[in-house]
Amino acid sequence: MIVEIRSDGSRTVARGALEDVASGERVAIEARGTTPLALALSLTRSLAALPSLARHAAKALVAPRRRR
C-alpha cells in the first residue's frame, strides 16, 4: 500500500494505492478536504466504496492490534 498526503494550506489531498500481487487486482483511493474533519469524512466515504480486497486491507491497517 502506498499513501501520499499533500496540503497547500487551504486544502489537503490524500491518495493511496493497493495491489494484490497474487490476483493482479489494483485499487486506488483519493480523499479531499479543507479541514481535518472533512478529509476524514471523505476518506470514510471512499473506503466504503472500495472493493473487498482493499476493504480488508484498510480494516487491517485501521483496526487496533490485539495481543495474544
Protein backbone atom coordinates (compact mmCIF):
# COMPACT_ATOMS: atom_id res chain seq x y z
CA MET A 1 0.00 0.00 0.00
CA ILE A 2 1.25 3.45 -0.90
CA VAL A 3 -0.23 6.64 0.59
CA GLU A 4 0.58 10.25 -0.29
CA ILE A 5 -0.79 13.24 1.62
CA ARG A 6 -0.32 16.78 0.33
CA SER A 7 -1.57 20.11 1.58
CA ASP A 8 -1.32 23.63 0.16
CA GLY A 9 -2.50 25.22 3.42
CA SER A 10 -6.14 25.52 2.39
CA ARG A 11 -6.86 22.03 1.06
CA THR A 12 -5.49 18.56 1.79
CA VAL A 13 -5.48 15.63 -0.61
CA ALA A 14 -4.78 12.03 0.41
CA ARG A 15 -4.15 9.46 -2.33
CA GLY A 16 -3.39 5.80 -1.96
CA ALA A 17 -3.00 2.61 -3.96
CA LEU A 18 -3.10 -1.07 -3.10
CA GLU A 19 -2.16 -4.05 -5.25
CA ASP A 20 -2.77 -7.76 -4.70
CA VAL A 21 0.17 -9.40 -6.49
CA ALA A 22 -1.43 -12.86 -6.48
CA SER A 23 -4.61 -11.80 -8.29
CA GLY A 24 -3.24 -8.72 -10.07
CA GLU A 25 -6.06 -6.57 -8.68
CA ARG A 26 -5.26 -2.87 -8.15
CA VAL A 27 -7.30 -0.31 -6.23
CA ALA A 28 -6.81 3.46 -5.90
CA ILE A 29 -8.35 5.79 -3.34
CA GLU A 30 -8.49 9.58 -3.08
CA ALA A 31 -9.88 11.86 -0.39
CA ARG A 32 -10.03 15.68 -0.32
CA GLY A 33 -10.91 18.10 2.43
CA THR A 34 -10.47 21.67 3.61
CA THR A 35 -10.44 20.66 7.30
CA PRO A 36 -9.24 17.51 9.06
CA LEU A 37 -12.88 16.51 9.67
CA ALA A 38 -13.80 17.00 6.00
CA LEU A 39 -10.79 14.92 4.95
CA ALA A 40 -11.73 12.15 7.40
CA LEU A 41 -15.33 12.10 6.12
CA SER A 42 -14.16 12.00 2.51
CA LEU A 43 -11.76 9.16 3.32
CA THR A 44 -14.54 7.24 5.09
CA ARG A 45 -16.82 7.59 2.06
CA SER A 46 -14.02 6.42 -0.25
CA LEU A 47 -13.22 3.41 1.94
CA ALA A 48 -16.89 2.38 1.98
CA ALA A 49 -16.89 2.26 -1.83
CA LEU A 50 -13.78 0.06 -2.15
CA PRO A 51 -13.81 -3.50 -3.49
CA SER A 52 -13.44 -6.25 -0.92
CA LEU A 53 -9.66 -6.66 -1.36
CA ALA A 54 -8.92 -3.09 -0.42
CA ARG A 55 -11.63 -3.04 2.25
CA HIS A 56 -9.96 -5.96 4.07
CA ALA A 57 -6.55 -4.31 3.82
CA ALA A 58 -7.91 -0.99 5.06
CA LYS A 59 -9.56 -2.69 8.04
CA ALA A 60 -6.29 -4.41 8.88
CA LEU A 61 -4.47 -1.08 8.84
CA VAL A 62 -7.09 0.79 10.88
CA ALA A 63 -8.03 -1.93 13.38
CA PRO A 64 -6.16 -1.92 16.68
CA ARG A 65 -3.74 -4.77 17.11
CA ARG A 66 -4.84 -7.42 19.56
CA ARG A 67 -2.41 -9.07 21.92
CA ARG A 68 -2.33 -12.84 22.01
